[in-house]
Amino acid sequence: IEPRKNLSVLLDAYSKLPERLTGEYALVLIGSDGWLNEEIFEKIKNLRKANFNIIHPTIYVSDEELSNIYAGASLLAHPAIHEGFGMPIIEAMASNVPVITSNVPVMLEVAKDAALYFNPRKEESIKDTMEKVLLDKELVNKLTNNGKRIVKEFSWSNSSQELIECIEQI
């Protein structure tokens, strides 16, 4: 939980969803303590007081628990502004979870046509994209089917083969 993850804007976007959606869908935030996150934790506390269902485990989430969380998810919203790769995107796709993410280059490169993109600096853009996926089952099917294809591109065997080819070229 740190500024580059852009969770403050995600929280604002979630709070702007129609009540019928926030009543049906909780916002689950997974991540350990980071830096400069006091504002985020304050926002979580205030939104909970306003009866928004926001879940943030304060203990380490194991890989098995994370798999279970993905299995129960209706979508992954990945609003990061700066990211090295975007592993949660691949993890969600591997769990047949539709992905919405920032329209920053690394996310576009990883998710390709298997995600919907939003402007990570505009809560309205994030809100509209969340709402679109939560209300459109055909879109969910398209995203999860495309996600299955993307996951195959990022297999360990493909990655190791690419690494071997790079080493051989050097």
Protein backbone atom coordinates (compact mmCIF):
# COMPACT_ATOMS: atom_id res chain seq x y z
CA ILE A 1 0.00 0.00 0.00
CA GLU A 2 1.87 3.02 -1.33
CA PRO A 3 1.24 6.02 -3.60
CA ARG A 4 2.32 4.40 -6.91
CA LYS A 5 -0.45 1.83 -6.49
CA ASN A 6 -2.96 4.69 -6.79
CA LEU A 7 -5.38 3.19 -4.29
CA SER A 8 -6.65 6.54 -3.09
CA VAL A 9 -8.20 7.23 -6.50
CA LEU A 10 -9.56 3.66 -6.63
CA LEU A 11 -11.24 4.18 -3.26
CA ASP A 12 -12.79 7.42 -4.49
CA ALA A 13 -14.01 5.69 -7.66
CA TYR A 14 -15.52 2.80 -5.69
CA SER A 15 -17.34 5.24 -3.42
CA LYS A 16 -18.95 6.85 -6.49
CA LEU A 17 -20.43 3.59 -7.82
CA PRO A 18 -24.21 3.27 -7.63
CA GLU A 19 -25.39 2.02 -4.25
CA ARG A 20 -26.79 -1.16 -5.78
CA LEU A 21 -23.23 -2.10 -6.86
CA THR A 22 -21.42 -1.11 -3.65
CA GLY A 23 -24.09 -3.03 -1.76
CA GLU A 24 -23.44 -6.14 -3.83
CA TYR A 25 -19.66 -5.90 -4.34
CA ALA A 26 -17.04 -5.31 -1.67
CA LEU A 27 -13.74 -3.67 -2.50
CA VAL A 28 -10.92 -5.96 -1.39
CA LEU A 29 -7.47 -4.38 -1.09
CA ILE A 30 -4.55 -6.77 -0.86
CA GLY A 31 -1.14 -5.42 -0.02
CA SER A 32 1.24 -5.07 2.85
CA ASP A 33 2.19 -1.84 4.51
CA GLY A 34 4.29 0.38 2.27
CA TRP A 35 5.19 4.04 2.50
CA LEU A 36 3.31 7.36 2.51
CA ASN A 37 0.06 5.47 3.00
CA GLU A 38 -1.52 7.28 5.96
CA GLU A 39 -3.99 9.06 3.65
CA ILE A 40 -5.06 5.74 2.13
CA PHE A 41 -5.66 4.10 5.51
CA GLU A 42 -7.58 7.19 6.68
CA LYS A 43 -9.73 7.04 3.56
CA ILE A 44 -10.45 3.33 4.13
CA LYS A 45 -11.49 4.10 7.73
CA ASN A 46 -13.77 6.95 6.65
CA LEU A 47 -15.41 4.95 3.86
CA ARG A 48 -16.05 2.06 6.26
CA LYS A 49 -17.70 4.52 8.66
CA ALA A 50 -19.92 5.56 5.72
CA ASN A 51 -20.95 1.88 5.40
CA PHE A 52 -18.87 1.00 2.34
CA ASN A 53 -17.77 -2.63 2.37
CA ILE A 54 -14.00 -2.33 2.11
CA ILE A 55 -11.89 -5.29 3.11
CA HIS A 56 -8.17 -4.96 3.75
CA PRO A 57 -6.48 -7.88 5.50
CA THR A 58 -3.89 -6.53 7.90
CA ILE A 59 -1.97 -9.81 7.93
CA TYR A 60 0.13 -11.48 5.24
CA VAL A 61 -2.00 -13.15 2.56
CA SER A 62 -0.50 -16.47 1.48
CA ASP A 63 -0.47 -17.63 -2.14
CA GLU A 64 -3.27 -20.11 -1.36
CA GLU A 65 -5.39 -17.41 0.26
CA LEU A 66 -4.70 -15.08 -2.65
CA SER A 67 -5.87 -17.80 -5.06
CA ASN A 68 -9.10 -18.08 -3.10
CA ILE A 69 -9.58 -14.31 -3.18
CA TYR A 70 -9.12 -14.27 -6.96
CA ALA A 71 -11.53 -17.21 -7.28
CA GLY A 72 -14.23 -15.16 -5.59
CA ALA A 73 -13.50 -11.88 -7.38
CA SER A 74 -15.85 -10.27 -9.89
CA LEU A 75 -13.02 -8.18 -11.36
CA LEU A 76 -9.50 -7.00 -10.73
CA ALA A 77 -9.05 -3.24 -10.69
CA HIS A 78 -5.34 -2.48 -11.02
CA PRO A 79 -4.98 1.33 -10.93
CA ALA A 80 -1.20 1.55 -10.53
CA ILE A 81 0.51 4.55 -12.06
CA HIS A 82 4.01 3.04 -11.95
CA GLU A 83 4.52 -0.71 -12.15
CA GLY A 84 7.41 -2.98 -12.98
CA PHE A 85 5.37 -5.71 -14.62
CA GLY A 86 1.82 -6.11 -13.33
CA MET A 87 1.84 -9.66 -11.96
CA PRO A 88 -1.65 -9.26 -10.40
CA ILE A 89 -3.02 -8.86 -13.93
CA ILE A 90 -1.66 -12.24 -14.99
CA GLU A 91 -2.73 -13.86 -11.70
CA ALA A 92 -6.29 -12.57 -12.15
CA MET A 93 -6.44 -13.72 -15.77
CA ALA A 94 -5.20 -17.17 -14.72
CA SER A 95 -8.14 -17.25 -12.28
CA ASN A 96 -10.65 -16.25 -15.00
CA VAL A 97 -11.17 -12.84 -13.44
CA PRO A 98 -11.83 -9.90 -15.79
CA VAL A 99 -9.23 -7.17 -15.53
CA ILE A 100 -9.51 -3.40 -15.64
CA THR A 101 -6.28 -1.47 -15.38
CA SER A 102 -4.44 1.78 -15.94
CA ASN A 103 -3.76 2.86 -19.49
CA VAL A 104 -0.03 3.11 -18.77
CA PRO A 105 2.45 1.42 -21.13
CA VAL A 106 3.42 -1.57 -18.99
CA MET A 107 -0.24 -2.51 -18.45
CA LEU A 108 -1.03 -2.17 -22.14
CA GLU A 109 1.93 -4.40 -22.95
CA VAL A 110 0.97 -7.09 -20.44
CA ALA A 111 -2.82 -7.19 -20.77
CA LYS A 112 -3.23 -6.33 -24.48
CA ASP A 113 -6.85 -6.97 -25.54
CA ALA A 114 -7.71 -8.90 -22.38
CA ALA A 115 -8.44 -5.87 -20.20
CA LEU A 116 -10.38 -2.66 -20.22
CA TYR A 117 -8.30 0.44 -19.63
CA PHE A 118 -8.95 3.62 -17.70
CA ASN A 119 -7.18 6.88 -16.97
CA PRO A 120 -5.65 6.16 -13.55
CA ARG A 121 -5.73 9.82 -12.54
CA LYS A 122 -9.48 10.21 -13.04
CA GLU A 123 -11.80 8.54 -10.55
CA GLU A 124 -14.72 8.91 -12.98
CA SER A 125 -12.83 6.87 -15.59
CA ILE A 126 -12.12 4.11 -13.06
CA LYS A 127 -15.70 4.16 -11.77
CA ASP A 128 -17.19 3.95 -15.26
CA THR A 129 -14.91 1.06 -16.18
CA MET A 130 -15.74 -0.86 -12.99
CA GLU A 131 -19.43 -0.31 -13.56
CA LYS A 132 -19.22 -1.41 -17.19
CA VAL A 133 -17.63 -4.76 -16.27
CA LEU A 134 -19.89 -5.40 -13.28
CA LEU A 135 -23.00 -4.91 -15.43
CA ASP A 136 -21.99 -6.61 -18.70
CA LYS A 137 -21.69 -10.42 -18.60
CA GLU A 138 -20.83 -10.64 -22.31
CA LEU A 139 -17.92 -8.28 -21.75
CA VAL A 140 -16.79 -10.40 -18.78
CA ASN A 141 -16.79 -13.49 -21.02
CA LYS A 142 -14.78 -11.70 -23.70
CA LEU A 143 -12.19 -10.42 -21.22
CA THR A 144 -11.78 -13.77 -19.46
CA ASN A 145 -11.49 -15.66 -22.75
CA ASN A 146 -8.86 -13.22 -24.00
CA GLY A 147 -7.15 -13.48 -20.62
CA LYS A 148 -6.73 -17.24 -21.03
CA ARG A 149 -4.75 -16.59 -24.20
CA ILE A 150 -2.58 -13.94 -22.53
CA VAL A 151 -1.76 -16.23 -19.60
CA LYS A 152 -0.36 -18.82 -22.01
CA GLU A 153 2.03 -16.19 -23.39
CA PHE A 154 3.44 -15.65 -19.89
CA SER A 155 4.06 -19.27 -18.94
CA TRP A 156 7.25 -20.21 -17.10
CA SER A 157 8.38 -22.30 -20.07
CA ASN A 158 7.89 -19.40 -22.52
CA SER A 159 9.67 -17.01 -20.17
CA SER A 160 12.59 -19.35 -19.61
CA GLN A 161 12.93 -19.95 -23.36
CA GLU A 162 13.02 -16.19 -24.00
CA LEU A 163 15.67 -15.81 -21.31
CA ILE A 164 17.79 -18.57 -22.88
CA GLU A 165 17.50 -16.88 -26.28
CA CYS A 166 18.63 -13.54 -24.78
CA ILE A 167 21.61 -15.21 -23.12
CA GLU A 168 22.57 -16.96 -26.35
CA GLN A 169 22.43 -13.66 -28.24
CA ILE A 170 24.73 -12.00 -25.73
